[in-house]
Amino acid sequence: MNRDERNREADEPKIEIRTDSAPVTRRLPNFPNTEELYWTSRQLEEESIGSSPYELTVWAKMKKQTFFEFVEKIPTVQDTTFVPEFTPEQLENEYNWKKLDKDYVSEHHVFGESFEVSKLYVTELDVYIDTEHLVMYVRVVTAT
């Protein structure tokens, strides 16, 4: 590694990957039970009046029955261009992502109604799944 590469690496913020589920289920009350859960959150650097938006990003690996019960009625679309912002080393793989229909997820309160999931506070909600590996990737941007 040369000096420029070391300097770039030093400038990049380190992502703290957490595995405790309580903060995720507090924000997304109907989040399914998982075998493995990895998540990060960060304050977004946007000028705003009032609450500052934050981003919650979650990787979830589930048992087969739990996975298919959760996604069985939700329309999906293939997404070959999606690249997760982070991938836990435990789940590094080649994924075949499908995106859950955003309107369906929002209108049917797939993750439950809560302060953080109400339409008044969520500005972005993206959910991707891989049916072969039984994983779900969720990215939600919301006000605090």
N, C-alpha and C. Protein backbone atom coordinates (compact mmCIF):
# COMPACT_ATOMS: atom_id res chain seq x y z
N MET A 1 0.86 -1.18 0.00
CA MET A 1 0.00 0.00 0.00
C MET A 1 0.90 1.23 0.00
N ASN A 2 0.66 2.12 -0.95
CA ASN A 2 1.48 3.32 -1.01
C ASN A 2 0.90 4.41 -0.11
N ARG A 3 1.60 5.54 -0.04
CA ARG A 3 1.21 6.62 0.87
C ARG A 3 -0.16 7.20 0.50
N ASP A 4 -0.45 7.37 -0.80
CA ASP A 4 -1.75 7.91 -1.21
C ASP A 4 -2.90 7.00 -0.79
N GLU A 5 -2.70 5.70 -0.94
CA GLU A 5 -3.74 4.75 -0.54
C GLU A 5 -3.96 4.79 0.97
N ARG A 6 -2.89 4.90 1.75
CA ARG A 6 -3.01 5.00 3.21
C ARG A 6 -3.74 6.27 3.60
N ASN A 7 -3.44 7.39 2.92
CA ASN A 7 -4.10 8.65 3.24
C ASN A 7 -5.59 8.59 2.93
N ARG A 8 -5.95 7.99 1.78
CA ARG A 8 -7.37 7.85 1.42
C ARG A 8 -8.09 6.98 2.44
N GLU A 9 -7.44 5.88 2.84
CA GLU A 9 -8.04 4.98 3.82
C GLU A 9 -8.24 5.68 5.15
N ALA A 10 -7.28 6.51 5.54
CA ALA A 10 -7.39 7.24 6.81
C ALA A 10 -8.52 8.26 6.76
N ASP A 11 -8.80 8.83 5.58
CA ASP A 11 -9.86 9.83 5.44
C ASP A 11 -11.26 9.22 5.44
N GLU A 12 -11.38 7.96 5.06
CA GLU A 12 -12.69 7.32 5.00
C GLU A 12 -13.16 6.97 6.40
N PRO A 13 -14.39 7.35 6.74
CA PRO A 13 -14.89 7.02 8.07
C PRO A 13 -15.09 5.51 8.22
N LYS A 14 -14.77 5.00 9.40
CA LYS A 14 -14.97 3.58 9.68
C LYS A 14 -16.45 3.36 10.01
N ILE A 15 -17.02 2.31 9.45
CA ILE A 15 -18.42 1.98 9.70
C ILE A 15 -18.47 1.05 10.91
N GLU A 16 -19.25 1.43 11.91
CA GLU A 16 -19.44 0.57 13.07
C GLU A 16 -20.63 -0.34 12.77
N ILE A 17 -20.37 -1.62 12.64
CA ILE A 17 -21.43 -2.60 12.37
C ILE A 17 -21.86 -3.19 13.70
N ARG A 18 -23.16 -3.06 13.97
CA ARG A 18 -23.71 -3.57 15.22
C ARG A 18 -24.56 -4.81 14.96
N THR A 19 -24.76 -5.61 16.02
CA THR A 19 -25.53 -6.84 15.88
C THR A 19 -26.69 -6.94 16.88
N ASP A 20 -26.86 -5.94 17.74
CA ASP A 20 -27.97 -5.96 18.68
C ASP A 20 -29.26 -5.60 17.94
N SER A 21 -30.35 -6.27 18.27
CA SER A 21 -31.58 -6.08 17.50
C SER A 21 -32.52 -5.02 18.05
N ALA A 22 -32.42 -4.67 19.32
CA ALA A 22 -33.38 -3.75 19.94
C ALA A 22 -33.52 -2.41 19.20
N PRO A 23 -32.43 -1.75 18.81
CA PRO A 23 -32.60 -0.48 18.10
C PRO A 23 -33.33 -0.63 16.76
N VAL A 24 -33.13 -1.76 16.08
CA VAL A 24 -33.80 -2.00 14.80
C VAL A 24 -35.28 -2.24 15.02
N THR A 25 -35.63 -3.12 15.95
CA THR A 25 -37.04 -3.45 16.18
C THR A 25 -37.80 -2.30 16.84
N ARG A 26 -37.09 -1.40 17.52
CA ARG A 26 -37.76 -0.22 18.07
C ARG A 26 -38.20 0.70 16.94
N ARG A 27 -37.38 0.82 15.92
CA ARG A 27 -37.71 1.68 14.78
C ARG A 27 -38.60 0.97 13.76
N LEU A 28 -38.45 -0.34 13.63
CA LEU A 28 -39.21 -1.14 12.67
C LEU A 28 -39.87 -2.29 13.45
N PRO A 29 -40.98 -2.03 14.13
CA PRO A 29 -41.56 -2.99 15.08
C PRO A 29 -41.89 -4.38 14.52
N ASN A 30 -42.25 -4.48 13.25
CA ASN A 30 -42.59 -5.78 12.68
C ASN A 30 -41.43 -6.41 11.94
N PHE A 31 -40.21 -6.00 12.25
CA PHE A 31 -39.06 -6.60 11.59
C PHE A 31 -39.04 -8.09 11.92
N PRO A 32 -38.83 -8.95 10.92
CA PRO A 32 -38.91 -10.40 11.18
C PRO A 32 -37.76 -10.89 12.07
N ASN A 33 -37.99 -12.05 12.69
CA ASN A 33 -36.92 -12.68 13.48
C ASN A 33 -35.79 -13.08 12.55
N THR A 34 -34.59 -12.94 13.03
CA THR A 34 -33.42 -13.21 12.18
C THR A 34 -32.49 -14.22 12.84
N GLU A 35 -31.72 -14.89 11.98
CA GLU A 35 -30.63 -15.73 12.47
C GLU A 35 -29.39 -14.87 12.70
N GLU A 36 -29.18 -13.93 11.79
CA GLU A 36 -28.06 -13.00 11.87
C GLU A 36 -28.58 -11.61 11.52
N LEU A 37 -28.09 -10.61 12.26
CA LEU A 37 -28.51 -9.23 12.02
C LEU A 37 -27.29 -8.33 12.13
N TYR A 38 -27.10 -7.49 11.13
CA TYR A 38 -25.99 -6.54 11.10
C TYR A 38 -26.56 -5.20 10.67
N TRP A 39 -26.21 -4.15 11.36
CA TRP A 39 -26.77 -2.86 10.98
C TRP A 39 -25.83 -1.72 11.33
N THR A 40 -26.07 -0.61 10.65
CA THR A 40 -25.35 0.63 10.92
C THR A 40 -26.36 1.77 10.88
N SER A 41 -26.00 2.86 11.50
CA SER A 41 -26.81 4.07 11.37
C SER A 41 -25.84 5.25 11.33
N ARG A 42 -26.32 6.32 10.72
CA ARG A 42 -25.48 7.51 10.67
C ARG A 42 -26.36 8.73 10.44
N GLN A 43 -25.90 9.83 10.98
CA GLN A 43 -26.54 11.11 10.76
C GLN A 43 -26.18 11.57 9.36
N LEU A 44 -27.17 12.00 8.61
CA LEU A 44 -26.90 12.50 7.26
C LEU A 44 -26.52 13.97 7.36
N GLU A 45 -25.56 14.35 6.59
CA GLU A 45 -25.09 15.73 6.63
C GLU A 45 -25.87 16.58 5.66
N GLU A 46 -27.07 16.93 6.07
CA GLU A 46 -27.92 17.77 5.26
C GLU A 46 -28.33 18.97 6.08
N GLU A 47 -28.37 20.12 5.44
CA GLU A 47 -28.87 21.31 6.11
C GLU A 47 -30.38 21.17 6.27
N SER A 48 -30.85 21.27 7.49
CA SER A 48 -32.30 21.16 7.68
C SER A 48 -32.71 21.98 8.89
N ILE A 49 -33.96 22.36 8.89
CA ILE A 49 -34.54 23.04 10.03
C ILE A 49 -35.22 21.97 10.86
N GLY A 50 -34.96 21.96 12.14
CA GLY A 50 -35.56 20.94 12.99
C GLY A 50 -34.69 19.70 13.05
N SER A 51 -35.34 18.55 13.11
CA SER A 51 -34.62 17.27 13.25
C SER A 51 -33.75 16.99 12.05
N SER A 52 -32.57 16.44 12.31
CA SER A 52 -31.68 16.05 11.23
C SER A 52 -32.00 14.63 10.79
N PRO A 53 -31.99 14.38 9.49
CA PRO A 53 -32.29 13.02 9.03
C PRO A 53 -31.15 12.06 9.36
N TYR A 54 -31.51 10.78 9.53
CA TYR A 54 -30.50 9.75 9.71
C TYR A 54 -30.85 8.56 8.84
N GLU A 55 -29.85 7.73 8.63
CA GLU A 55 -30.00 6.55 7.79
C GLU A 55 -29.75 5.31 8.63
N LEU A 56 -30.63 4.34 8.51
CA LEU A 56 -30.48 3.04 9.14
C LEU A 56 -30.35 2.02 8.02
N THR A 57 -29.30 1.23 8.06
CA THR A 57 -29.06 0.21 7.04
C THR A 57 -28.92 -1.13 7.74
N VAL A 58 -29.69 -2.13 7.28
CA VAL A 58 -29.77 -3.41 7.98
C VAL A 58 -29.57 -4.58 7.02
N TRP A 59 -28.74 -5.53 7.42
CA TRP A 59 -28.63 -6.84 6.76
C TRP A 59 -29.28 -7.85 7.69
N ALA A 60 -30.16 -8.68 7.16
CA ALA A 60 -30.81 -9.70 7.98
C ALA A 60 -30.79 -11.04 7.25
N LYS A 61 -30.31 -12.06 7.92
CA LYS A 61 -30.36 -13.43 7.39
C LYS A 61 -31.40 -14.17 8.22
N MET A 62 -32.32 -14.84 7.51
CA MET A 62 -33.45 -15.48 8.20
C MET A 62 -33.53 -16.97 7.90
N LYS A 63 -34.30 -17.65 8.73
CA LYS A 63 -34.63 -19.05 8.44
C LYS A 63 -35.57 -19.04 7.23
N LYS A 64 -35.55 -20.15 6.49
CA LYS A 64 -36.31 -20.23 5.25
C LYS A 64 -37.79 -19.92 5.44
N GLN A 65 -38.43 -20.54 6.42
CA GLN A 65 -39.87 -20.32 6.61
C GLN A 65 -40.15 -18.86 6.97
N THR A 66 -39.37 -18.29 7.87
CA THR A 66 -39.56 -16.89 8.27
C THR A 66 -39.39 -15.97 7.07
N PHE A 67 -38.36 -16.22 6.29
CA PHE A 67 -38.07 -15.39 5.12
C PHE A 67 -39.24 -15.39 4.15
N PHE A 68 -39.70 -16.57 3.76
CA PHE A 68 -40.75 -16.65 2.76
C PHE A 68 -42.11 -16.19 3.29
N GLU A 69 -42.38 -16.40 4.57
CA GLU A 69 -43.61 -15.87 5.13
C GLU A 69 -43.61 -14.34 5.10
N PHE A 70 -42.44 -13.75 5.33
CA PHE A 70 -42.35 -12.29 5.37
C PHE A 70 -42.52 -11.67 3.99
N VAL A 71 -41.93 -12.28 2.96
CA VAL A 71 -41.94 -11.65 1.63
C VAL A 71 -42.95 -12.25 0.66
N GLU A 72 -43.71 -13.26 1.09
CA GLU A 72 -44.54 -14.00 0.15
C GLU A 72 -45.54 -13.17 -0.65
N LYS A 73 -46.14 -12.15 -0.08
CA LYS A 73 -47.18 -11.39 -0.78
C LYS A 73 -46.69 -10.06 -1.33
N ILE A 74 -45.42 -9.78 -1.19
CA ILE A 74 -44.90 -8.48 -1.61
C ILE A 74 -44.34 -8.58 -3.03
N PRO A 75 -44.84 -7.75 -3.93
CA PRO A 75 -44.31 -7.76 -5.30
C PRO A 75 -42.83 -7.36 -5.32
N THR A 76 -42.08 -7.97 -6.24
CA THR A 76 -40.66 -7.65 -6.37
C THR A 76 -40.31 -7.35 -7.82
N VAL A 77 -39.16 -6.74 -8.00
CA VAL A 77 -38.61 -6.49 -9.32
C VAL A 77 -37.12 -6.78 -9.26
N GLN A 78 -36.59 -7.43 -10.29
CA GLN A 78 -35.17 -7.76 -10.35
C GLN A 78 -34.36 -6.47 -10.37
N ASP A 79 -33.24 -6.42 -9.65
CA ASP A 79 -32.39 -5.24 -9.65
C ASP A 79 -30.93 -5.68 -9.74
N THR A 80 -30.40 -5.67 -10.94
CA THR A 80 -29.02 -6.13 -11.15
C THR A 80 -27.99 -5.03 -10.89
N THR A 81 -28.44 -3.82 -10.65
CA THR A 81 -27.49 -2.71 -10.44
C THR A 81 -27.27 -2.38 -8.97
N PHE A 82 -28.07 -2.95 -8.09
CA PHE A 82 -27.97 -2.60 -6.67
C PHE A 82 -26.66 -3.09 -6.07
N VAL A 83 -26.02 -2.19 -5.31
CA VAL A 83 -24.80 -2.51 -4.57
C VAL A 83 -24.99 -1.99 -3.14
N PRO A 84 -24.98 -2.87 -2.14
CA PRO A 84 -25.15 -2.42 -0.76
C PRO A 84 -24.04 -1.46 -0.34
N GLU A 85 -24.37 -0.55 0.58
CA GLU A 85 -23.37 0.39 1.08
C GLU A 85 -22.31 -0.30 1.91
N PHE A 86 -22.68 -1.38 2.59
CA PHE A 86 -21.71 -2.17 3.33
C PHE A 86 -22.18 -3.62 3.30
N THR A 87 -21.23 -4.52 3.44
CA THR A 87 -21.56 -5.94 3.52
C THR A 87 -20.75 -6.53 4.67
N PRO A 88 -21.42 -7.10 5.67
CA PRO A 88 -20.68 -7.75 6.75
C PRO A 88 -19.86 -8.91 6.19
N GLU A 89 -18.67 -9.08 6.68
CA GLU A 89 -17.81 -10.14 6.13
C GLU A 89 -18.44 -11.51 6.27
N GLN A 90 -19.31 -11.71 7.27
CA GLN A 90 -19.98 -12.99 7.47
C GLN A 90 -20.96 -13.30 6.33
N LEU A 91 -21.40 -12.27 5.61
CA LEU A 91 -22.40 -12.46 4.56
C LEU A 91 -21.86 -12.13 3.17
N GLU A 92 -20.55 -12.05 3.03
CA GLU A 92 -19.99 -11.77 1.71
C GLU A 92 -20.33 -12.91 0.77
N ASN A 93 -20.91 -12.55 -0.37
CA ASN A 93 -21.42 -13.54 -1.31
C ASN A 93 -21.74 -12.86 -2.62
N GLU A 94 -22.10 -13.61 -3.62
CA GLU A 94 -22.65 -13.07 -4.85
C GLU A 94 -24.16 -13.11 -4.70
N TYR A 95 -24.80 -11.96 -4.74
CA TYR A 95 -26.24 -11.89 -4.50
C TYR A 95 -27.01 -11.59 -5.78
N ASN A 96 -28.21 -12.11 -5.83
CA ASN A 96 -29.14 -11.88 -6.92
C ASN A 96 -30.31 -11.07 -6.32
N TRP A 97 -30.17 -9.75 -6.33
CA TRP A 97 -31.10 -8.88 -5.62
C TRP A 97 -32.41 -8.67 -6.34
N LYS A 98 -33.48 -8.69 -5.56
CA LYS A 98 -34.80 -8.26 -6.02
C LYS A 98 -35.23 -7.16 -5.07
N LYS A 99 -35.84 -6.13 -5.62
CA LYS A 99 -36.29 -5.01 -4.80
C LYS A 99 -37.78 -5.19 -4.50
N LEU A 100 -38.14 -5.05 -3.23
CA LEU A 100 -39.54 -5.11 -2.86
C LEU A 100 -40.21 -3.83 -3.31
N ASP A 101 -41.46 -3.94 -3.75
CA ASP A 101 -42.21 -2.79 -4.22
C ASP A 101 -42.33 -1.75 -3.10
N LYS A 102 -41.74 -0.58 -3.33
CA LYS A 102 -41.67 0.46 -2.30
C LYS A 102 -43.05 0.92 -1.85
N ASP A 103 -43.98 1.10 -2.79
CA ASP A 103 -45.32 1.54 -2.43
C ASP A 103 -46.04 0.51 -1.57
N TYR A 104 -45.89 -0.76 -1.92
CA TYR A 104 -46.53 -1.82 -1.15
C TYR A 104 -45.97 -1.83 0.27
N VAL A 105 -44.66 -1.78 0.39
CA VAL A 105 -44.01 -1.81 1.71
C VAL A 105 -44.52 -0.65 2.57
N SER A 106 -44.63 0.55 1.99
CA SER A 106 -45.08 1.72 2.74
C SER A 106 -46.57 1.67 3.06
N GLU A 107 -47.39 1.39 2.05
CA GLU A 107 -48.84 1.42 2.23
C GLU A 107 -49.33 0.36 3.21
N HIS A 108 -48.70 -0.78 3.22
CA HIS A 108 -49.14 -1.88 4.07
C HIS A 108 -48.38 -1.95 5.38
N HIS A 109 -47.54 -0.96 5.65
CA HIS A 109 -46.79 -0.90 6.90
C HIS A 109 -46.13 -2.25 7.21
N VAL A 110 -45.39 -2.75 6.24
CA VAL A 110 -44.76 -4.06 6.35
C VAL A 110 -43.94 -4.18 7.64
N PHE A 111 -43.28 -3.11 8.03
CA PHE A 111 -42.45 -3.16 9.23
C PHE A 111 -43.17 -2.66 10.47
N GLY A 112 -44.45 -2.35 10.35
CA GLY A 112 -45.24 -1.89 11.49
C GLY A 112 -45.32 -0.38 11.53
N GLU A 113 -46.37 0.10 12.15
CA GLU A 113 -46.53 1.55 12.29
C GLU A 113 -45.77 2.01 13.53
N SER A 114 -44.95 3.01 13.33
CA SER A 114 -44.23 3.60 14.45
C SER A 114 -43.88 5.03 14.07
N PHE A 115 -43.40 5.75 14.99
CA PHE A 115 -42.99 7.14 14.74
C PHE A 115 -42.04 7.18 13.54
N GLU A 116 -41.07 6.28 13.53
CA GLU A 116 -40.03 6.31 12.51
C GLU A 116 -40.51 5.81 11.15
N VAL A 117 -41.57 5.02 11.10
CA VAL A 117 -42.00 4.43 9.85
C VAL A 117 -43.20 5.16 9.25
N SER A 118 -43.80 6.07 10.01
CA SER A 118 -44.95 6.77 9.46
C SER A 118 -44.53 7.58 8.24
N LYS A 119 -45.44 7.75 7.29
CA LYS A 119 -45.11 8.45 6.05
C LYS A 119 -44.66 9.89 6.30
N LEU A 120 -45.02 10.45 7.45
CA LEU A 120 -44.64 11.83 7.74
C LEU A 120 -43.13 11.98 7.95
N TYR A 121 -42.47 10.92 8.38
CA TYR A 121 -41.07 11.04 8.75
C TYR A 121 -40.10 10.30 7.83
N VAL A 122 -40.56 9.29 7.11
CA VAL A 122 -39.67 8.54 6.24
C VAL A 122 -39.54 9.25 4.91
N THR A 123 -38.29 9.47 4.49
CA THR A 123 -38.08 10.08 3.18
C THR A 123 -37.64 9.04 2.16
N GLU A 124 -37.04 7.95 2.63
CA GLU A 124 -36.63 6.87 1.73
C GLU A 124 -36.77 5.54 2.48
N LEU A 125 -37.25 4.53 1.77
CA LEU A 125 -37.34 3.19 2.33
C LEU A 125 -37.12 2.20 1.18
N ASP A 126 -35.99 1.52 1.20
CA ASP A 126 -35.66 0.55 0.16
C ASP A 126 -35.40 -0.80 0.81
N VAL A 127 -36.01 -1.84 0.24
CA VAL A 127 -35.85 -3.19 0.77
C VAL A 127 -35.49 -4.11 -0.39
N TYR A 128 -34.37 -4.83 -0.23
CA TYR A 128 -33.88 -5.77 -1.24
C TYR A 128 -33.80 -7.14 -0.61
N ILE A 129 -34.07 -8.18 -1.41
CA ILE A 129 -33.99 -9.55 -0.90
C ILE A 129 -33.21 -10.42 -1.89
N ASP A 130 -32.63 -11.47 -1.36
CA ASP A 130 -32.03 -12.52 -2.17
C ASP A 130 -32.64 -13.83 -1.68
N THR A 131 -33.45 -14.44 -2.55
CA THR A 131 -34.19 -15.65 -2.14
C THR A 131 -33.31 -16.88 -2.02
N GLU A 132 -32.18 -16.90 -2.69
CA GLU A 132 -31.27 -18.04 -2.59
C GLU A 132 -30.56 -18.05 -1.24
N HIS A 133 -30.10 -16.90 -0.80
CA HIS A 133 -29.33 -16.81 0.44
C HIS A 133 -30.16 -16.41 1.66
N LEU A 134 -31.46 -16.16 1.44
CA LEU A 134 -32.39 -15.83 2.51
C LEU A 134 -31.96 -14.59 3.29
N VAL A 135 -31.53 -13.56 2.56
CA VAL A 135 -31.11 -12.31 3.19
C VAL A 135 -31.98 -11.16 2.72
N MET A 136 -32.07 -10.18 3.59
CA MET A 136 -32.80 -8.96 3.29
C MET A 136 -31.89 -7.79 3.64
N TYR A 137 -31.89 -6.78 2.78
CA TYR A 137 -31.13 -5.56 3.00
C TYR A 137 -32.13 -4.41 3.04
N VAL A 138 -32.14 -3.66 4.12
CA VAL A 138 -33.10 -2.57 4.30
C VAL A 138 -32.33 -1.28 4.51
N ARG A 139 -32.77 -0.24 3.82
CA ARG A 139 -32.21 1.10 4.01
C ARG A 139 -33.39 2.05 4.22
N VAL A 140 -33.39 2.70 5.37
CA VAL A 140 -34.45 3.66 5.66
C VAL A 140 -33.81 4.99 6.08
N VAL A 141 -34.29 6.07 5.49
CA VAL A 141 -33.86 7.40 5.87
C VAL A 141 -35.05 8.09 6.50
N THR A 142 -34.85 8.61 7.69
CA THR A 142 -35.95 9.19 8.43
C THR A 142 -35.46 10.32 9.33
N ALA A 143 -36.37 11.14 9.77
CA ALA A 143 -36.06 12.19 10.73
C ALA A 143 -36.10 11.60 12.13
N THR A 144 -35.33 12.18 13.03
CA THR A 144 -35.30 11.68 14.41
C THR A 144 -36.42 12.27 15.22
